[in-house]
Amino acid sequence: MDGWTVAVEGRGETELAVQDVDADGVFLEAAGALNRRVEIDIEAEGCAP
């Protein structure tokens, strides 16, 4: 990956995609599954479109 910079940031419970507990604090498995994800952002610097 010559010329590329790769950065990894873990955010854990600080940036949920959806709330994964209800008003009573009960874990919602279906919502929790939406939070188990990988997001990849690619930013090209110095490349012509």
PDB file of N, CA and C in Angstrom:
ATOM      1  N   MET A   1       0.825  -1.180   0.000  1.00  0.00           N
ATOM      2  CA  MET A   1       0.000   0.000   0.000  1.00  0.00           C
ATOM      3  C   MET A   1       0.867   1.241   0.000  1.00  0.00           C
ATOM      4  N   ASP A   2       1.825   1.271  -0.901  1.00  0.00           N
ATOM      5  CA  ASP A   2       2.701   2.426  -1.007  1.00  0.00           C
ATOM      6  C   ASP A   2       1.891   3.679  -1.297  1.00  0.00           C
ATOM      7  N   GLY A   3       2.180   4.733  -0.578  1.00  0.00           N
ATOM      8  CA  GLY A   3       1.515   6.005  -0.804  1.00  0.00           C
ATOM      9  C   GLY A   3       0.185   6.145  -0.083  1.00  0.00           C
ATOM     10  N   TRP A   4      -0.233   5.133   0.658  1.00  0.00           N
ATOM     11  CA  TRP A   4      -1.501   5.178   1.374  1.00  0.00           C
ATOM     12  C   TRP A   4      -1.235   5.301   2.871  1.00  0.00           C
ATOM     13  N   THR A   5      -2.142   5.977   3.551  1.00  0.00           N
ATOM     14  CA  THR A   5      -2.118   6.037   5.000  1.00  0.00           C
ATOM     15  C   THR A   5      -3.402   5.392   5.497  1.00  0.00           C
ATOM     16  N   VAL A   6      -3.273   4.459   6.416  1.00  0.00           N
ATOM     17  CA  VAL A   6      -4.444   3.776   6.968  1.00  0.00           C
ATOM     18  C   VAL A   6      -4.539   4.139   8.445  1.00  0.00           C
ATOM     19  N   ALA A   7      -5.710   4.604   8.843  1.00  0.00           N
ATOM     20  CA  ALA A   7      -5.944   4.955  10.241  1.00  0.00           C
ATOM     21  C   ALA A   7      -7.121   4.142  10.760  1.00  0.00           C
ATOM     22  N   VAL A   8      -7.017   3.670  11.975  1.00  0.00           N
ATOM     23  CA  VAL A   8      -8.070   2.874  12.599  1.00  0.00           C
ATOM     24  C   VAL A   8      -8.476   3.558  13.893  1.00  0.00           C
ATOM     25  N   GLU A   9      -9.781   3.717  14.087  1.00  0.00           N
ATOM     26  CA  GLU A   9     -10.290   4.326  15.307  1.00  0.00           C
ATOM     27  C   GLU A   9     -11.417   3.456  15.854  1.00  0.00           C
ATOM     28  N   GLY A  10     -11.297   3.016  17.086  1.00  0.00           N
ATOM     29  CA  GLY A  10     -12.375   2.280  17.731  1.00  0.00           C
ATOM     30  C   GLY A  10     -13.220   3.238  18.549  1.00  0.00           C
ATOM     31  N   ARG A  11     -14.505   3.151  18.371  1.00  0.00           N
ATOM     32  CA  ARG A  11     -15.382   4.065  19.105  1.00  0.00           C
ATOM     33  C   ARG A  11     -16.323   3.335  20.048  1.00  0.00           C
ATOM     34  N   GLY A  12     -16.409   2.014  19.916  1.00  0.00           N
ATOM     35  CA  GLY A  12     -17.197   1.206  20.840  1.00  0.00           C
ATOM     36  C   GLY A  12     -18.584   1.749  21.100  1.00  0.00           C
ATOM     37  N   GLU A  13     -18.887   1.915  22.344  1.00  0.00           N
ATOM     38  CA  GLU A  13     -20.237   2.323  22.734  1.00  0.00           C
ATOM     39  C   GLU A  13     -20.468   3.830  22.632  1.00  0.00           C
ATOM     40  N   THR A  14     -19.479   4.598  22.218  1.00  0.00           N
ATOM     41  CA  THR A  14     -19.647   6.055  22.190  1.00  0.00           C
ATOM     42  C   THR A  14     -20.396   6.550  20.964  1.00  0.00           C
ATOM     43  N   GLU A  15     -20.441   5.764  19.900  1.00  0.00           N
ATOM     44  CA  GLU A  15     -21.119   6.190  18.670  1.00  0.00           C
ATOM     45  C   GLU A  15     -21.967   5.051  18.114  1.00  0.00           C
ATOM     46  N   LEU A  16     -23.075   4.776  18.794  1.00  0.00           N
ATOM     47  CA  LEU A  16     -23.978   3.723  18.353  1.00  0.00           C
ATOM     48  C   LEU A  16     -24.716   4.147  17.085  1.00  0.00           C
ATOM     49  N   ALA A  17     -24.955   3.180  16.185  1.00  0.00           N
ATOM     50  CA  ALA A  17     -25.774   3.464  15.004  1.00  0.00           C
ATOM     51  C   ALA A  17     -27.233   3.630  15.431  1.00  0.00           C
ATOM     52  N   VAL A  18     -27.674   2.783  16.347  1.00  0.00           N
ATOM     53  CA  VAL A  18     -29.020   2.851  16.915  1.00  0.00           C
ATOM     54  C   VAL A  18     -28.931   2.553  18.402  1.00  0.00           C
ATOM     55  N   GLN A  19     -29.883   3.035  19.160  1.00  0.00           N
ATOM     56  CA  GLN A  19     -29.930   2.753  20.593  1.00  0.00           C
ATOM     57  C   GLN A  19     -30.204   1.266  20.780  1.00  0.00           C
ATOM     58  N   ASP A  20     -29.435   0.596  21.629  1.00  0.00           N
ATOM     59  CA  ASP A  20     -29.586  -0.853  21.747  1.00  0.00           C
ATOM     60  C   ASP A  20     -30.183  -1.316  23.078  1.00  0.00           C
ATOM     61  N   VAL A  21     -30.730  -0.394  23.835  1.00  0.00           N
ATOM     62  CA  VAL A  21     -31.474  -0.756  25.046  1.00  0.00           C
ATOM     63  C   VAL A  21     -32.784   0.022  25.051  1.00  0.00           C
ATOM     64  N   ASP A  22     -33.814  -0.593  25.654  1.00  0.00           N
ATOM     65  CA  ASP A  22     -35.091   0.111  25.732  1.00  0.00           C
ATOM     66  C   ASP A  22     -35.122   1.023  26.957  1.00  0.00           C
ATOM     67  N   ALA A  23     -36.268   1.629  27.224  1.00  0.00           N
ATOM     68  CA  ALA A  23     -36.395   2.588  28.331  1.00  0.00           C
ATOM     69  C   ALA A  23     -36.109   1.949  29.685  1.00  0.00           C
ATOM     70  N   ASP A  24     -36.294   0.633  29.778  1.00  0.00           N
ATOM     71  CA  ASP A  24     -36.046  -0.075  31.031  1.00  0.00           C
ATOM     72  C   ASP A  24     -34.618  -0.599  31.127  1.00  0.00           C
ATOM     73  N   GLY A  25     -33.787  -0.343  30.115  1.00  0.00           N
ATOM     74  CA  GLY A  25     -32.405  -0.792  30.127  1.00  0.00           C
ATOM     75  C   GLY A  25     -32.212  -2.211  29.624  1.00  0.00           C
ATOM     76  N   VAL A  26     -33.259  -2.782  29.011  1.00  0.00           N
ATOM     77  CA  VAL A  26     -33.185  -4.145  28.480  1.00  0.00           C
ATOM     78  C   VAL A  26     -32.518  -4.104  27.109  1.00  0.00           C
ATOM     79  N   PHE A  27     -31.500  -4.963  26.929  1.00  0.00           N
ATOM     80  CA  PHE A  27     -30.768  -5.023  25.665  1.00  0.00           C
ATOM     81  C   PHE A  27     -31.673  -5.528  24.550  1.00  0.00           C
ATOM     82  N   LEU A  28     -31.656  -4.840  23.417  1.00  0.00           N
ATOM     83  CA  LEU A  28     -32.438  -5.219  22.248  1.00  0.00           C
ATOM     84  C   LEU A  28     -31.497  -5.861  21.238  1.00  0.00           C
ATOM     85  N   GLU A  29     -31.556  -7.181  21.118  1.00  0.00           N
ATOM     86  CA  GLU A  29     -30.619  -7.933  20.280  1.00  0.00           C
ATOM     87  C   GLU A  29     -30.620  -7.452  18.835  1.00  0.00           C
ATOM     88  N   ALA A  30     -31.791  -7.220  18.240  1.00  0.00           N
ATOM     89  CA  ALA A  30     -31.858  -6.793  16.834  1.00  0.00           C
ATOM     90  C   ALA A  30     -31.187  -5.437  16.651  1.00  0.00           C
ATOM     91  N   ALA A  31     -31.391  -4.522  17.587  1.00  0.00           N
ATOM     92  CA  ALA A  31     -30.756  -3.209  17.506  1.00  0.00           C
ATOM     93  C   ALA A  31     -29.261  -3.342  17.749  1.00  0.00           C
ATOM     94  N   GLY A  32     -28.878  -4.201  18.676  1.00  0.00           N
ATOM     95  CA  GLY A  32     -27.470  -4.414  18.975  1.00  0.00           C
ATOM     96  C   GLY A  32     -26.716  -4.929  17.764  1.00  0.00           C
ATOM     97  N   ALA A  33     -27.369  -5.758  16.963  1.00  0.00           N
ATOM     98  CA  ALA A  33     -26.733  -6.287  15.755  1.00  0.00           C
ATOM     99  C   ALA A  33     -26.392  -5.165  14.774  1.00  0.00           C
ATOM    100  N   LEU A  34     -27.213  -4.128  14.725  1.00  0.00           N
ATOM    101  CA  LEU A  34     -26.947  -2.997  13.825  1.00  0.00           C
ATOM    102  C   LEU A  34     -25.715  -2.218  14.254  1.00  0.00           C
ATOM    103  N   ASN A  35     -25.351  -2.303  15.525  1.00  0.00           N
ATOM    104  CA  ASN A  35     -24.182  -1.591  16.028  1.00  0.00           C
ATOM    105  C   ASN A  35     -22.887  -2.361  15.812  1.00  0.00           C
ATOM    106  N   ARG A  36     -22.980  -3.640  15.492  1.00  0.00           N
ATOM    107  CA  ARG A  36     -21.788  -4.429  15.200  1.00  0.00           C
ATOM    108  C   ARG A  36     -21.487  -4.262  13.713  1.00  0.00           C
ATOM    109  N   ARG A  37     -20.675  -3.287  13.421  1.00  0.00           N
ATOM    110  CA  ARG A  37     -20.439  -2.925  12.023  1.00  0.00           C
ATOM    111  C   ARG A  37     -19.019  -2.430  11.850  1.00  0.00           C
ATOM    112  N   VAL A  38     -18.625  -2.355  10.620  1.00  0.00           N
ATOM    113  CA  VAL A  38     -17.345  -1.766  10.247  1.00  0.00           C
ATOM    114  C   VAL A  38     -17.652  -0.665   9.245  1.00  0.00           C
ATOM    115  N   GLU A  39     -17.133   0.497   9.489  1.00  0.00           N
ATOM    116  CA  GLU A  39     -17.292   1.610   8.549  1.00  0.00           C
ATOM    117  C   GLU A  39     -15.928   1.941   7.973  1.00  0.00           C
ATOM    118  N   ILE A  40     -15.866   2.080   6.669  1.00  0.00           N
ATOM    119  CA  ILE A  40     -14.617   2.391   5.989  1.00  0.00           C
ATOM    120  C   ILE A  40     -14.788   3.706   5.244  1.00  0.00           C
ATOM    121  N   ASP A  41     -13.954   4.672   5.582  1.00  0.00           N
ATOM    122  CA  ASP A  41     -13.936   5.960   4.880  1.00  0.00           C
ATOM    123  C   ASP A  41     -12.645   6.022   4.082  1.00  0.00           C
ATOM    124  N   ILE A  42     -12.766   6.354   2.808  1.00  0.00           N
ATOM    125  CA  ILE A  42     -11.589   6.460   1.948  1.00  0.00           C
ATOM    126  C   ILE A  42     -11.482   7.907   1.482  1.00  0.00           C
ATOM    127  N   GLU A  43     -10.348   8.499   1.759  1.00  0.00           N
ATOM    128  CA  GLU A  43     -10.103   9.861   1.335  1.00  0.00           C
ATOM    129  C   GLU A  43      -8.853   9.858   0.469  1.00  0.00           C
ATOM    130  N   ALA A  44      -8.985  10.297  -0.753  1.00  0.00           N
ATOM    131  CA  ALA A  44      -7.847  10.335  -1.667  1.00  0.00           C
ATOM    132  C   ALA A  44      -7.298  11.753  -1.710  1.00  0.00           C
ATOM    133  N   GLU A  45      -6.045  11.878  -1.375  1.00  0.00           N
ATOM    134  CA  GLU A  45      -5.395  13.191  -1.426  1.00  0.00           C
ATOM    135  C   GLU A  45      -4.422  13.200  -2.591  1.00  0.00           C
ATOM    136  N   GLY A  46      -4.455  14.256  -3.357  1.00  0.00           N
ATOM    137  CA  GLY A  46      -3.515  14.408  -4.465  1.00  0.00           C
ATOM    138  C   GLY A  46      -3.861  13.580  -5.681  1.00  0.00           C
ATOM    139  N   CYS A  47      -5.083  13.045  -5.747  1.00  0.00           N
ATOM    140  CA  CYS A  47      -5.501  12.255  -6.909  1.00  0.00           C
ATOM    141  C   CYS A  47      -6.492  13.062  -7.723  1.00  0.00           C
ATOM    142  N   ALA A  48      -6.329  13.028  -9.019  1.00  0.00           N
ATOM    143  CA  ALA A  48      -7.277  13.718  -9.892  1.00  0.00           C
ATOM    144  C   ALA A  48      -8.527  12.878 -10.013  1.00  0.00           C
ATOM    145  N   PRO A  49      -9.710  13.517 -10.026  1.00  0.00           N
ATOM    146  CA  PRO A  49     -10.977  12.760 -10.138  1.00  0.00           C
ATOM    147  C   PRO A  49     -11.106  12.080 -11.494  1.00  0.00           C
TER     148      PRO A  49
END
